[in-house]
């Protein structure tokens, strides 16, 4: 299935299209905390920022406080 198994660049290109659309829907006046690279590398904070922005925009039936704050604690042993 070529749409599932594709090169890293192909994945990034599709992600670029999805994020471009998401940014357009969310409004260009926002200061975005995510990028193709940060989402593709599975960086937790940008992914959470994107999900919270989408949930707020579409008024998803989830309980989010008005001022959601994401604190990430990275522990290294």
PDB file of N, CA and C in Angstrom:
ATOM      1  N   UNK A   1       0.842  -1.177   0.000  1.00  0.00           N
ATOM      2  CA  UNK A   1       0.000   0.000   0.000  1.00  0.00           C
ATOM      3  C   UNK A   1       0.890   1.243   0.000  1.00  0.00           C
ATOM      4  N   UNK A   2       1.045   1.879  -1.124  1.00  0.00           N
ATOM      5  CA  UNK A   2       1.959   3.012  -1.224  1.00  0.00           C
ATOM      6  C   UNK A   2       1.559   4.198  -0.355  1.00  0.00           C
ATOM      7  N   UNK A   3       0.260   4.384  -0.076  1.00  0.00           N
ATOM      8  CA  UNK A   3      -0.130   5.526   0.747  1.00  0.00           C
ATOM      9  C   UNK A   3       0.255   5.350   2.212  1.00  0.00           C
ATOM     10  N   UNK A   4       0.542   4.130   2.623  1.00  0.00           N
ATOM     11  CA  UNK A   4       0.943   3.869   4.006  1.00  0.00           C
ATOM     12  C   UNK A   4       2.461   3.786   4.107  1.00  0.00           C
ATOM     13  N   UNK A   5       3.066   3.028   3.223  1.00  0.00           N
ATOM     14  CA  UNK A   5       4.513   2.848   3.251  1.00  0.00           C
ATOM     15  C   UNK A   5       5.150   3.777   2.246  1.00  0.00           C
ATOM     16  N   UNK A   6       5.559   4.933   2.708  1.00  0.00           N
ATOM     17  CA  UNK A   6       6.226   5.864   1.821  1.00  0.00           C
ATOM     18  C   UNK A   6       7.445   6.443   2.516  1.00  0.00           C
ATOM     19  N   UNK A   7       8.234   7.140   1.759  1.00  0.00           N
ATOM     20  CA  UNK A   7       9.474   7.684   2.288  1.00  0.00           C
ATOM     21  C   UNK A   7       9.201   8.748   3.352  1.00  0.00           C
ATOM     22  N   UNK A   8      10.236   9.053   4.093  1.00  0.00           N
ATOM     23  CA  UNK A   8      10.124  10.093   5.119  1.00  0.00           C
ATOM     24  C   UNK A   8       9.735  11.421   4.484  1.00  0.00           C
ATOM     25  N   UNK A   9      10.297  11.720   3.333  1.00  0.00           N
ATOM     26  CA  UNK A   9       9.967  12.979   2.656  1.00  0.00           C
ATOM     27  C   UNK A   9       8.506  12.991   2.209  1.00  0.00           C
ATOM     28  N   UNK A  10       8.001  11.851   1.755  1.00  0.00           N
ATOM     29  CA  UNK A  10       6.589  11.756   1.384  1.00  0.00           C
ATOM     30  C   UNK A  10       5.685  11.969   2.580  1.00  0.00           C
ATOM     31  N   UNK A  11       6.058  11.417   3.727  1.00  0.00           N
ATOM     32  CA  UNK A  11       5.285  11.610   4.952  1.00  0.00           C
ATOM     33  C   UNK A  11       5.278  13.079   5.352  1.00  0.00           C
ATOM     34  N   UNK A  12       6.446  13.715   5.260  1.00  0.00           N
ATOM     35  CA  UNK A  12       6.543  15.128   5.626  1.00  0.00           C
ATOM     36  C   UNK A  12       5.726  15.997   4.679  1.00  0.00           C
ATOM     37  N   UNK A  13       5.705  15.648   3.405  1.00  0.00           N
ATOM     38  CA  UNK A  13       4.930  16.423   2.436  1.00  0.00           C
ATOM     39  C   UNK A  13       3.435  16.348   2.765  1.00  0.00           C
ATOM     40  N   UNK A  14       2.945  15.148   3.076  1.00  0.00           N
ATOM     41  CA  UNK A  14       1.534  15.007   3.456  1.00  0.00           C
ATOM     42  C   UNK A  14       1.250  15.762   4.753  1.00  0.00           C
ATOM     43  N   UNK A  15       2.158  15.665   5.714  1.00  0.00           N
ATOM     44  CA  UNK A  15       1.994  16.376   6.981  1.00  0.00           C
ATOM     45  C   UNK A  15       1.990  17.880   6.745  1.00  0.00           C
ATOM     46  N   UNK A  16       2.831  18.361   5.849  1.00  0.00           N
ATOM     47  CA  UNK A  16       2.891  19.785   5.510  1.00  0.00           C
ATOM     48  C   UNK A  16       1.526  20.265   4.997  1.00  0.00           C
ATOM     49  N   UNK A  17       0.893  19.458   4.146  1.00  0.00           N
ATOM     50  CA  UNK A  17      -0.426  19.805   3.607  1.00  0.00           C
ATOM     51  C   UNK A  17      -1.462  19.842   4.724  1.00  0.00           C
ATOM     52  N   UNK A  18      -1.441  18.840   5.599  1.00  0.00           N
ATOM     53  CA  UNK A  18      -2.395  18.776   6.712  1.00  0.00           C
ATOM     54  C   UNK A  18      -2.211  19.967   7.649  1.00  0.00           C
ATOM     55  N   UNK A  19      -0.963  20.286   8.005  1.00  0.00           N
ATOM     56  CA  UNK A  19      -0.716  21.397   8.918  1.00  0.00           C
ATOM     57  C   UNK A  19      -1.053  22.736   8.270  1.00  0.00           C
ATOM     58  N   UNK A  20      -0.801  22.871   6.984  1.00  0.00           N
ATOM     59  CA  UNK A  20      -1.154  24.102   6.272  1.00  0.00           C
ATOM     60  C   UNK A  20      -2.670  24.323   6.350  1.00  0.00           C
ATOM     61  N   UNK A  21      -3.426  23.261   6.132  1.00  0.00           N
ATOM     62  CA  UNK A  21      -4.883  23.350   6.211  1.00  0.00           C
ATOM     63  C   UNK A  21      -5.327  23.660   7.635  1.00  0.00           C
ATOM     64  N   UNK A  22      -4.737  22.990   8.614  1.00  0.00           N
ATOM     65  CA  UNK A  22      -5.077  23.240  10.016  1.00  0.00           C
ATOM     66  C   UNK A  22      -4.772  24.685  10.392  1.00  0.00           C
ATOM     67  N   UNK A  23      -3.624  25.193   9.972  1.00  0.00           N
ATOM     68  CA  UNK A  23      -3.260  26.581  10.281  1.00  0.00           C
ATOM     69  C   UNK A  23      -4.241  27.558   9.637  1.00  0.00           C
ATOM     70  N   UNK A  24      -4.658  27.265   8.415  1.00  0.00           N
ATOM     71  CA  UNK A  24      -5.613  28.131   7.726  1.00  0.00           C
ATOM     72  C   UNK A  24      -6.964  28.122   8.454  1.00  0.00           C
ATOM     73  N   UNK A  25      -7.413  26.945   8.861  1.00  0.00           N
ATOM     74  CA  UNK A  25      -8.698  26.820   9.559  1.00  0.00           C
ATOM     75  C   UNK A  25      -8.644  27.508  10.920  1.00  0.00           C
ATOM     76  N   UNK A  26      -7.531  27.374  11.608  1.00  0.00           N
ATOM     77  CA  UNK A  26      -7.399  27.958  12.945  1.00  0.00           C
ATOM     78  C   UNK A  26      -7.202  29.467  12.893  1.00  0.00           C
ATOM     79  N   UNK A  27      -6.804  29.997  11.752  1.00  0.00           N
ATOM     80  CA  UNK A  27      -6.592  31.437  11.610  1.00  0.00           C
ATOM     81  C   UNK A  27      -5.127  31.786  11.601  1.00  0.00           C
ATOM     82  N   UNK A  28      -4.752  32.654  10.714  1.00  0.00           N
ATOM     83  CA  UNK A  28      -3.332  32.993  10.549  1.00  0.00           C
ATOM     84  C   UNK A  28      -2.828  33.971  11.591  1.00  0.00           C
ATOM     85  N   UNK A  29      -3.700  34.522  12.430  1.00  0.00           N
ATOM     86  CA  UNK A  29      -3.249  35.500  13.414  1.00  0.00           C
ATOM     87  C   UNK A  29      -2.629  34.846  14.647  1.00  0.00           C
ATOM     88  N   UNK A  30      -2.728  33.530  14.733  1.00  0.00           N
ATOM     89  CA  UNK A  30      -2.187  32.840  15.913  1.00  0.00           C
ATOM     90  C   UNK A  30      -0.678  32.636  15.786  1.00  0.00           C
ATOM     91  N   UNK A  31      -0.030  32.549  16.928  1.00  0.00           N
ATOM     92  CA  UNK A  31       1.397  32.238  16.973  1.00  0.00           C
ATOM     93  C   UNK A  31       1.516  30.732  17.181  1.00  0.00           C
ATOM     94  N   UNK A  32       1.773  29.999  16.120  1.00  0.00           N
ATOM     95  CA  UNK A  32       1.750  28.547  16.183  1.00  0.00           C
ATOM     96  C   UNK A  32       2.964  27.993  16.900  1.00  0.00           C
ATOM     97  N   UNK A  33       2.729  26.946  17.669  1.00  0.00           N
ATOM     98  CA  UNK A  33       3.769  26.295  18.456  1.00  0.00           C
ATOM     99  C   UNK A  33       4.220  24.991  17.814  1.00  0.00           C
ATOM    100  N   UNK A  34       3.788  24.723  16.593  1.00  0.00           N
ATOM    101  CA  UNK A  34       4.100  23.442  15.964  1.00  0.00           C
ATOM    102  C   UNK A  34       4.630  23.661  14.560  1.00  0.00           C
ATOM    103  N   UNK A  35       5.360  22.671  14.079  1.00  0.00           N
ATOM    104  CA  UNK A  35       5.905  22.701  12.723  1.00  0.00           C
ATOM    105  C   UNK A  35       5.893  21.274  12.189  1.00  0.00           C
ATOM    106  N   UNK A  36       6.142  21.146  10.904  1.00  0.00           N
ATOM    107  CA  UNK A  36       6.197  19.826  10.286  1.00  0.00           C
ATOM    108  C   UNK A  36       7.270  18.982  10.977  1.00  0.00           C
ATOM    109  N   UNK A  37       8.429  19.575  11.180  1.00  0.00           N
ATOM    110  CA  UNK A  37       9.539  18.834  11.780  1.00  0.00           C
ATOM    111  C   UNK A  37       9.216  18.392  13.207  1.00  0.00           C
ATOM    112  N   UNK A  38       8.632  19.296  14.011  1.00  0.00           N
ATOM    113  CA  UNK A  38       8.365  18.935  15.413  1.00  0.00           C
ATOM    114  C   UNK A  38       7.275  17.866  15.526  1.00  0.00           C
ATOM    115  N   UNK A  39       6.271  17.930  14.653  1.00  0.00           N
ATOM    116  CA  UNK A  39       5.225  16.911  14.686  1.00  0.00           C
ATOM    117  C   UNK A  39       5.772  15.585  14.158  1.00  0.00           C
ATOM    118  N   UNK A  40       6.548  15.649  13.086  1.00  0.00           N
ATOM    119  CA  UNK A  40       7.076  14.416  12.483  1.00  0.00           C
ATOM    120  C   UNK A  40       8.045  13.697  13.417  1.00  0.00           C
ATOM    121  N   UNK A  41       8.789  14.451  14.208  1.00  0.00           N
ATOM    122  CA  UNK A  41       9.727  13.831  15.154  1.00  0.00           C
ATOM    123  C   UNK A  41       9.046  13.442  16.463  1.00  0.00           C
ATOM    124  N   UNK A  42       7.722  13.583  16.501  1.00  0.00           N
ATOM    125  CA  UNK A  42       6.893  13.158  17.638  1.00  0.00           C
ATOM    126  C   UNK A  42       7.212  13.918  18.922  1.00  0.00           C
ATOM    127  N   UNK A  43       7.483  15.209  18.768  1.00  0.00           N
ATOM    128  CA  UNK A  43       7.735  16.054  19.927  1.00  0.00           C
ATOM    129  C   UNK A  43       6.411  16.294  20.653  1.00  0.00           C
ATOM    130  N   UNK A  44       6.360  15.939  21.903  1.00  0.00           N
ATOM    131  CA  UNK A  44       5.113  15.922  22.666  1.00  0.00           C
ATOM    132  C   UNK A  44       4.462  17.295  22.807  1.00  0.00           C
ATOM    133  N   UNK A  45       5.222  18.313  23.145  1.00  0.00           N
ATOM    134  CA  UNK A  45       4.644  19.631  23.406  1.00  0.00           C
ATOM    135  C   UNK A  45       3.970  20.229  22.167  1.00  0.00           C
ATOM    136  N   UNK A  46       4.617  20.265  21.000  1.00  0.00           N
ATOM    137  CA  UNK A  46       3.921  20.794  19.815  1.00  0.00           C
ATOM    138  C   UNK A  46       2.669  19.996  19.444  1.00  0.00           C
ATOM    139  N   UNK A  47       2.717  18.684  19.612  1.00  0.00           N
ATOM    140  CA  UNK A  47       1.545  17.859  19.316  1.00  0.00           C
ATOM    141  C   UNK A  47       0.395  18.228  20.256  1.00  0.00           C
ATOM    142  N   UNK A  48       0.687  18.411  21.538  1.00  0.00           N
ATOM    143  CA  UNK A  48      -0.341  18.802  22.497  1.00  0.00           C
ATOM    144  C   UNK A  48      -0.899  20.189  22.182  1.00  0.00           C
ATOM    145  N   UNK A  49      -0.026  21.122  21.803  1.00  0.00           N
ATOM    146  CA  UNK A  49      -0.491  22.464  21.428  1.00  0.00           C
ATOM    147  C   UNK A  49      -1.461  22.389  20.253  1.00  0.00           C
ATOM    148  N   UNK A  50      -1.112  21.596  19.252  1.00  0.00           N
ATOM    149  CA  UNK A  50      -1.968  21.436  18.076  1.00  0.00           C
ATOM    150  C   UNK A  50      -3.312  20.807  18.457  1.00  0.00           C
ATOM    151  N   UNK A  51      -3.275  19.750  19.259  1.00  0.00           N
ATOM    152  CA  UNK A  51      -4.507  19.077  19.658  1.00  0.00           C
ATOM    153  C   UNK A  51      -5.424  19.987  20.477  1.00  0.00           C
ATOM    154  N   UNK A  52      -4.858  20.757  21.386  1.00  0.00           N
ATOM    155  CA  UNK A  52      -5.661  21.670  22.195  1.00  0.00           C
ATOM    156  C   UNK A  52      -6.263  22.760  21.310  1.00  0.00           C
ATOM    157  N   UNK A  53      -5.479  23.305  20.369  1.00  0.00           N
ATOM    158  CA  UNK A  53      -5.991  24.330  19.459  1.00  0.00           C
ATOM    159  C   UNK A  53      -7.139  23.787  18.614  1.00  0.00           C
ATOM    160  N   UNK A  54      -7.000  22.569  18.115  1.00  0.00           N
ATOM    161  CA  UNK A  54      -8.065  21.967  17.313  1.00  0.00           C
ATOM    162  C   UNK A  54      -9.305  21.679  18.170  1.00  0.00           C
ATOM    163  N   UNK A  55      -9.088  21.183  19.379  1.00  0.00           N
ATOM    164  CA  UNK A  55     -10.221  20.890  20.273  1.00  0.00           C
ATOM    165  C   UNK A  55     -10.992  22.156  20.602  1.00  0.00           C
ATOM    166  N   UNK A  56     -10.286  23.246  20.856  1.00  0.00           N
ATOM    167  CA  UNK A  56     -10.957  24.509  21.163  1.00  0.00           C
ATOM    168  C   UNK A  56     -11.689  25.050  19.940  1.00  0.00           C
ATOM    169  N   UNK A  57     -11.031  24.997  18.800  1.00  0.00           N
ATOM    170  CA  UNK A  57     -11.632  25.534  17.581  1.00  0.00           C
ATOM    171  C   UNK A  57     -12.928  24.814  17.230  1.00  0.00           C
ATOM    172  N   UNK A  58     -12.906  23.502  17.299  1.00  0.00           N
ATOM    173  CA  UNK A  58     -14.082  22.719  16.930  1.00  0.00           C
ATOM    174  C   UNK A  58     -15.022  22.457  18.107  1.00  0.00           C
ATOM    175  N   UNK A  59     -14.707  23.073  19.244  1.00  0.00           N
ATOM    176  CA  UNK A  59     -15.524  22.907  20.454  1.00  0.00           C
ATOM    177  C   UNK A  59     -15.793  21.436  20.739  1.00  0.00           C
ATOM    178  N   UNK A  60     -14.719  20.687  20.772  1.00  0.00           N
ATOM    179  CA  UNK A  60     -14.810  19.247  21.020  1.00  0.00           C
ATOM    180  C   UNK A  60     -15.426  19.006  22.396  1.00  0.00           C
ATOM    181  N   UNK A  61     -16.203  17.948  22.522  1.00  0.00           N
ATOM    182  CA  UNK A  61     -16.858  17.668  23.813  1.00  0.00           C
ATOM    183  C   UNK A  61     -15.887  17.071  24.837  1.00  0.00           C
ATOM    184  N   UNK A  62     -14.835  17.800  25.106  1.00  0.00           N
ATOM    185  CA  UNK A  62     -13.875  17.397  26.142  1.00  0.00           C
ATOM    186  C   UNK A  62     -13.778  18.544  27.132  1.00  0.00           C
ATOM    187  N   UNK A  63     -13.490  18.198  28.356  1.00  0.00           N
ATOM    188  CA  UNK A  63     -13.392  19.219  29.397  1.00  0.00           C
ATOM    189  C   UNK A  63     -11.983  19.800  29.405  1.00  0.00           C
ATOM    190  N   UNK A  64     -11.868  21.042  28.970  1.00  0.00           N
ATOM    191  CA  UNK A  64     -10.599  21.757  29.018  1.00  0.00           C
ATOM    192  C   UNK A  64     -10.800  23.037  29.822  1.00  0.00           C
ATOM    193  N   UNK A  65      -9.939  23.304  30.791  1.00  0.00           N
ATOM    194  CA  UNK A  65     -10.034  24.591  31.491  1.00  0.00           C
ATOM    195  C   UNK A  65      -9.787  25.733  30.501  1.00  0.00           C
ATOM    196  N   UNK A  66     -10.226  26.932  30.863  1.00  0.00           N
ATOM    197  CA  UNK A  66     -10.078  28.087  29.981  1.00  0.00           C
ATOM    198  C   UNK A  66      -8.621  28.332  29.584  1.00  0.00           C
ATOM    199  N   UNK A  67      -7.735  28.293  30.541  1.00  0.00           N
ATOM    200  CA  UNK A  67      -6.316  28.564  30.277  1.00  0.00           C
ATOM    201  C   UNK A  67      -5.512  27.293  30.479  1.00  0.00           C
ATOM    202  N   UNK A  68      -5.568  26.422  29.490  1.00  0.00           N
ATOM    203  CA  UNK A  68      -4.842  25.156  29.572  1.00  0.00           C
ATOM    204  C   UNK A  68      -3.346  25.444  29.519  1.00  0.00           C
ATOM    205  N   UNK A  69      -2.612  24.848  30.424  1.00  0.00           N
ATOM    206  CA  UNK A  69      -1.171  24.997  30.455  1.00  0.00           C
ATOM    207  C   UNK A  69      -0.567  23.597  30.410  1.00  0.00           C
ATOM    208  N   UNK A  70       0.419  23.428  29.558  1.00  0.00           N
ATOM    209  CA  UNK A  70       1.098  22.139  29.455  1.00  0.00           C
ATOM    210  C   UNK A  70       2.501  22.301  30.015  1.00  0.00           C
ATOM    211  N   UNK A  71       2.757  21.591  31.084  1.00  0.00           N
ATOM    212  CA  UNK A  71       4.102  21.571  31.653  1.00  0.00           C
ATOM    213  C   UNK A  71       4.706  20.210  31.384  1.00  0.00           C
ATOM    214  N   UNK A  72       5.892  20.201  30.826  1.00  0.00           N
ATOM    215  CA  UNK A  72       6.566  18.942  30.518  1.00  0.00           C
ATOM    216  C   UNK A  72       7.787  18.834  31.399  1.00  0.00           C
ATOM    217  N   UNK A  73       7.884  17.734  32.077  1.00  0.00           N
ATOM    218  CA  UNK A  73       9.032  17.473  32.939  1.00  0.00           C
ATOM    219  C   UNK A  73       9.792  16.304  32.331  1.00  0.00           C
ATOM    220  N   UNK A  74      11.030  16.556  31.944  1.00  0.00           N
ATOM    221  CA  UNK A  74      11.852  15.531  31.339  1.00  0.00           C
ATOM    222  C   UNK A  74      12.830  15.053  32.410  1.00  0.00           C
ATOM    223  N   UNK A  75      12.742  13.784  32.723  1.00  0.00           N
ATOM    224  CA  UNK A  75      13.605  13.194  33.747  1.00  0.00           C
ATOM    225  C   UNK A  75      14.602  12.268  33.063  1.00  0.00           C
ATOM    226  N   UNK A  76      15.865  12.507  33.301  1.00  0.00           N
ATOM    227  CA  UNK A  76      16.912  11.651  32.761  1.00  0.00           C
ATOM    228  C   UNK A  76      17.606  10.945  33.889  1.00  0.00           C
ATOM    229  N   UNK A  77      17.839   9.669  33.687  1.00  0.00           N
ATOM    230  CA  UNK A  77      18.511   8.890  34.716  1.00  0.00           C
ATOM    231  C   UNK A  77      19.989   8.806  34.400  1.00  0.00           C
TER     232      UNK A  77
END
